[in-house]
N, C-alpha and C. Protein backbone atom coordinates (compact mmCIF):
# COMPACT_ATOMS: atom_id res chain seq x y z
N MET A 1 46.10 25.12 57.46
CA MET A 1 47.00 25.04 58.57
C MET A 1 46.67 26.16 59.54
N TYR A 2 47.07 25.99 60.78
CA TYR A 2 46.83 26.97 61.83
C TYR A 2 48.13 27.70 62.10
N VAL A 3 48.08 29.03 62.14
CA VAL A 3 49.29 29.83 62.28
C VAL A 3 49.14 30.84 63.41
N ILE A 4 50.21 31.00 64.17
CA ILE A 4 50.36 32.10 65.10
C ILE A 4 51.51 32.93 64.56
N ALA A 5 51.26 34.22 64.33
CA ALA A 5 52.27 35.10 63.74
C ALA A 5 52.48 36.30 64.64
N MET A 6 53.73 36.70 64.76
CA MET A 6 54.05 37.91 65.52
C MET A 6 55.16 38.66 64.82
N TYR A 7 55.09 39.95 64.88
CA TYR A 7 56.11 40.76 64.23
C TYR A 7 56.59 41.86 65.15
N ASP A 8 57.80 42.32 64.89
CA ASP A 8 58.40 43.44 65.58
C ASP A 8 59.02 44.31 64.50
N VAL A 9 58.37 45.42 64.20
CA VAL A 9 58.82 46.29 63.12
C VAL A 9 58.94 47.73 63.62
N GLY A 10 59.66 48.54 62.86
CA GLY A 10 59.81 49.95 63.20
C GLY A 10 58.46 50.65 63.26
N GLU A 11 58.39 51.68 64.07
CA GLU A 11 57.15 52.40 64.32
C GLU A 11 56.47 52.88 63.03
N LYS A 12 57.23 53.27 62.05
CA LYS A 12 56.67 53.79 60.80
C LYS A 12 55.98 52.70 59.98
N ARG A 13 56.31 51.43 60.23
CA ARG A 13 55.76 50.33 59.44
C ARG A 13 54.66 49.55 60.16
N VAL A 14 54.41 49.87 61.42
CA VAL A 14 53.43 49.12 62.21
C VAL A 14 52.04 49.15 61.58
N GLY A 15 51.58 50.30 61.16
CA GLY A 15 50.24 50.42 60.57
C GLY A 15 50.06 49.59 59.32
N LYS A 16 51.07 49.59 58.46
CA LYS A 16 51.00 48.80 57.23
C LYS A 16 50.97 47.31 57.53
N MET A 17 51.77 46.89 58.50
CA MET A 17 51.79 45.47 58.88
C MET A 17 50.45 45.07 59.48
N LEU A 18 49.89 45.92 60.32
CA LEU A 18 48.59 45.63 60.94
C LEU A 18 47.52 45.43 59.87
N LYS A 19 47.44 46.32 58.91
CA LYS A 19 46.45 46.20 57.83
C LYS A 19 46.66 44.92 57.03
N LEU A 20 47.90 44.61 56.73
CA LEU A 20 48.21 43.39 55.98
C LEU A 20 47.77 42.15 56.75
N PHE A 21 48.17 42.04 58.01
CA PHE A 21 47.88 40.84 58.79
C PHE A 21 46.39 40.67 59.07
N ARG A 22 45.66 41.76 59.23
CA ARG A 22 44.22 41.67 59.47
C ARG A 22 43.47 41.10 58.27
N ARG A 23 44.05 41.18 57.09
CA ARG A 23 43.41 40.59 55.90
C ARG A 23 43.49 39.07 55.91
N TYR A 24 44.43 38.50 56.65
CA TYR A 24 44.68 37.07 56.60
C TYR A 24 44.39 36.33 57.91
N LEU A 25 44.61 36.99 59.05
CA LEU A 25 44.52 36.32 60.34
C LEU A 25 43.72 37.17 61.33
N ASN A 26 43.43 36.61 62.49
CA ASN A 26 42.69 37.30 63.55
C ASN A 26 43.67 37.93 64.53
N TRP A 27 43.44 39.22 64.81
CA TRP A 27 44.28 39.94 65.76
C TRP A 27 43.97 39.46 67.17
N ILE A 28 45.00 39.11 67.94
CA ILE A 28 44.75 38.68 69.32
C ILE A 28 45.46 39.54 70.35
N GLN A 29 46.52 40.22 69.96
CA GLN A 29 47.27 41.07 70.88
C GLN A 29 48.19 41.94 70.04
N ASN A 30 48.77 42.96 70.63
CA ASN A 30 49.66 43.85 69.88
C ASN A 30 50.65 43.04 69.05
N SER A 31 50.59 43.21 67.75
CA SER A 31 51.50 42.57 66.79
C SER A 31 51.45 41.05 66.81
N VAL A 32 50.37 40.46 67.31
CA VAL A 32 50.22 39.01 67.35
C VAL A 32 48.88 38.63 66.72
N PHE A 33 48.92 37.64 65.83
CA PHE A 33 47.74 37.20 65.08
C PHE A 33 47.70 35.68 65.06
N GLU A 34 46.48 35.13 64.87
CA GLU A 34 46.34 33.69 64.77
C GLU A 34 45.19 33.36 63.83
N GLY A 35 45.19 32.12 63.34
CA GLY A 35 44.06 31.67 62.54
C GLY A 35 44.41 30.62 61.53
N GLU A 36 43.36 30.10 60.90
CA GLU A 36 43.50 29.12 59.83
C GLU A 36 43.86 29.85 58.54
N ILE A 37 44.78 29.29 57.79
CA ILE A 37 45.23 29.91 56.55
C ILE A 37 45.77 28.82 55.63
N THR A 38 45.55 28.98 54.34
CA THR A 38 46.11 28.01 53.39
C THR A 38 47.59 28.31 53.18
N GLU A 39 48.30 27.34 52.63
CA GLU A 39 49.72 27.56 52.35
C GLU A 39 49.92 28.69 51.35
N VAL A 40 49.04 28.77 50.36
CA VAL A 40 49.14 29.83 49.35
C VAL A 40 48.94 31.20 50.00
N LYS A 41 47.91 31.33 50.84
CA LYS A 41 47.65 32.60 51.51
C LYS A 41 48.78 32.95 52.48
N LEU A 42 49.34 31.95 53.14
CA LEU A 42 50.47 32.21 54.03
C LEU A 42 51.66 32.74 53.25
N LYS A 43 51.90 32.18 52.08
CA LYS A 43 53.00 32.66 51.23
C LYS A 43 52.74 34.11 50.80
N GLU A 44 51.48 34.42 50.43
CA GLU A 44 51.11 35.80 50.08
C GLU A 44 51.39 36.74 51.25
N LEU A 45 50.99 36.32 52.44
CA LEU A 45 51.21 37.12 53.64
C LEU A 45 52.69 37.37 53.86
N GLU A 46 53.49 36.33 53.75
CA GLU A 46 54.93 36.45 53.96
C GLU A 46 55.56 37.40 52.93
N ILE A 47 55.16 37.27 51.67
CA ILE A 47 55.69 38.15 50.62
C ILE A 47 55.30 39.60 50.91
N GLY A 48 54.04 39.81 51.30
CA GLY A 48 53.59 41.16 51.64
C GLY A 48 54.35 41.74 52.82
N ALA A 49 54.58 40.91 53.83
CA ALA A 49 55.32 41.37 55.01
C ALA A 49 56.75 41.73 54.65
N ARG A 50 57.39 40.89 53.84
CA ARG A 50 58.77 41.17 53.42
C ARG A 50 58.87 42.50 52.67
N SER A 51 57.83 42.83 51.90
CA SER A 51 57.87 44.08 51.14
C SER A 51 57.74 45.31 52.04
N ILE A 52 57.16 45.14 53.22
CA ILE A 52 57.00 46.23 54.18
C ILE A 52 58.20 46.32 55.12
N MET A 53 58.72 45.19 55.51
CA MET A 53 59.76 45.11 56.53
C MET A 53 61.11 45.64 56.06
N ASP A 54 61.89 46.10 57.04
CA ASP A 54 63.32 46.34 56.84
C ASP A 54 63.99 45.09 57.38
N LEU A 55 64.45 44.23 56.51
CA LEU A 55 64.97 42.92 56.92
C LEU A 55 66.24 43.01 57.77
N GLU A 56 66.83 44.19 57.84
CA GLU A 56 68.02 44.39 58.69
C GLU A 56 67.64 44.62 60.15
N THR A 57 66.44 45.15 60.39
CA THR A 57 66.07 45.52 61.76
C THR A 57 64.76 44.91 62.25
N ASP A 58 63.86 44.55 61.34
CA ASP A 58 62.54 44.03 61.73
C ASP A 58 62.54 42.50 61.76
N SER A 59 61.51 41.94 62.40
CA SER A 59 61.41 40.47 62.44
C SER A 59 59.96 40.02 62.35
N LEU A 60 59.79 38.82 61.84
CA LEU A 60 58.50 38.15 61.75
C LEU A 60 58.72 36.71 62.18
N ILE A 61 57.89 36.25 63.12
CA ILE A 61 57.97 34.86 63.60
C ILE A 61 56.64 34.19 63.32
N LEU A 62 56.69 33.02 62.69
CA LEU A 62 55.49 32.25 62.36
C LEU A 62 55.58 30.87 63.02
N PHE A 63 54.56 30.52 63.79
CA PHE A 63 54.43 29.18 64.34
C PHE A 63 53.31 28.51 63.55
N CYS A 64 53.60 27.40 62.91
CA CYS A 64 52.63 26.73 62.05
C CYS A 64 52.31 25.33 62.58
N SER A 65 51.04 24.97 62.53
CA SER A 65 50.59 23.65 62.94
C SER A 65 49.54 23.18 61.94
N ARG A 66 49.46 21.90 61.74
CA ARG A 66 48.47 21.39 60.79
C ARG A 66 47.06 21.70 61.22
N GLN A 67 46.81 21.66 62.54
CA GLN A 67 45.47 21.94 63.05
C GLN A 67 45.58 22.62 64.40
N GLU A 68 44.59 23.47 64.69
CA GLU A 68 44.57 24.19 65.96
C GLU A 68 44.47 23.23 67.14
N LYS A 69 43.83 22.08 66.94
CA LYS A 69 43.62 21.16 68.06
C LYS A 69 44.93 20.63 68.64
N TRP A 70 46.03 20.78 67.93
CA TRP A 70 47.32 20.31 68.43
C TRP A 70 48.00 21.34 69.33
N LEU A 71 47.35 22.48 69.54
CA LEU A 71 47.89 23.52 70.40
C LEU A 71 47.00 23.69 71.62
N GLU A 72 47.60 23.94 72.73
CA GLU A 72 46.84 24.28 73.93
C GLU A 72 47.08 25.75 74.21
N LYS A 73 46.01 26.52 74.26
CA LYS A 73 46.12 27.96 74.45
C LYS A 73 45.76 28.31 75.88
N GLN A 74 46.66 29.00 76.55
CA GLN A 74 46.42 29.46 77.91
C GLN A 74 46.58 30.98 77.93
N ILE A 75 45.65 31.66 78.54
CA ILE A 75 45.69 33.12 78.61
C ILE A 75 45.79 33.52 80.07
N VAL A 76 46.76 34.34 80.37
CA VAL A 76 46.94 34.88 81.72
C VAL A 76 46.71 36.38 81.62
N GLY A 77 45.78 36.90 82.40
CA GLY A 77 45.46 38.32 82.30
C GLY A 77 44.35 38.56 81.30
N LYS A 78 44.23 39.79 80.85
CA LYS A 78 43.15 40.18 79.95
C LYS A 78 43.38 39.67 78.54
N GLU A 79 42.36 39.03 77.98
CA GLU A 79 42.42 38.60 76.59
C GLU A 79 42.05 39.79 75.72
N ARG A 80 42.92 40.15 74.81
CA ARG A 80 42.73 41.34 73.98
C ARG A 80 41.60 41.19 72.98
N SER A 81 41.49 40.04 72.36
CA SER A 81 40.48 39.83 71.33
C SER A 81 39.98 38.41 71.41
N SER A 82 38.71 38.24 71.70
CA SER A 82 38.14 36.91 71.80
C SER A 82 37.30 36.61 70.58
N LEU A 83 37.61 35.51 69.91
CA LEU A 83 36.84 35.11 68.73
C LEU A 83 35.45 34.65 69.12
N ASP A 84 35.25 34.25 70.38
CA ASP A 84 33.94 33.81 70.84
C ASP A 84 32.91 34.93 70.75
N GLN A 85 33.35 36.17 70.88
CA GLN A 85 32.43 37.31 70.84
C GLN A 85 31.86 37.52 69.44
N ILE A 86 32.54 37.05 68.42
CA ILE A 86 32.10 37.23 67.05
C ILE A 86 30.91 36.33 66.73
N LEU A 87 30.91 35.13 67.31
CA LEU A 87 29.86 34.15 67.01
C LEU A 87 28.57 34.47 67.66
């Protein structure tokens, strides 16, 4: 499945969340990640995020789609991270 994930966490937890999310998805902008991921890996990511987060003040939003082709991506301004540069 294709996932776009974004989080808003306290300053002390940002580094831990960044390291966790980089293991599973591609960083595209501050606290925003995207990429293909299996349901099992997504569950691992969510469990890891919950262990870092303060559920009273922090948030995690996941947009899931069966395939990337069902999404239209538009970028206005500078693109922070382009996957095309990796290839």
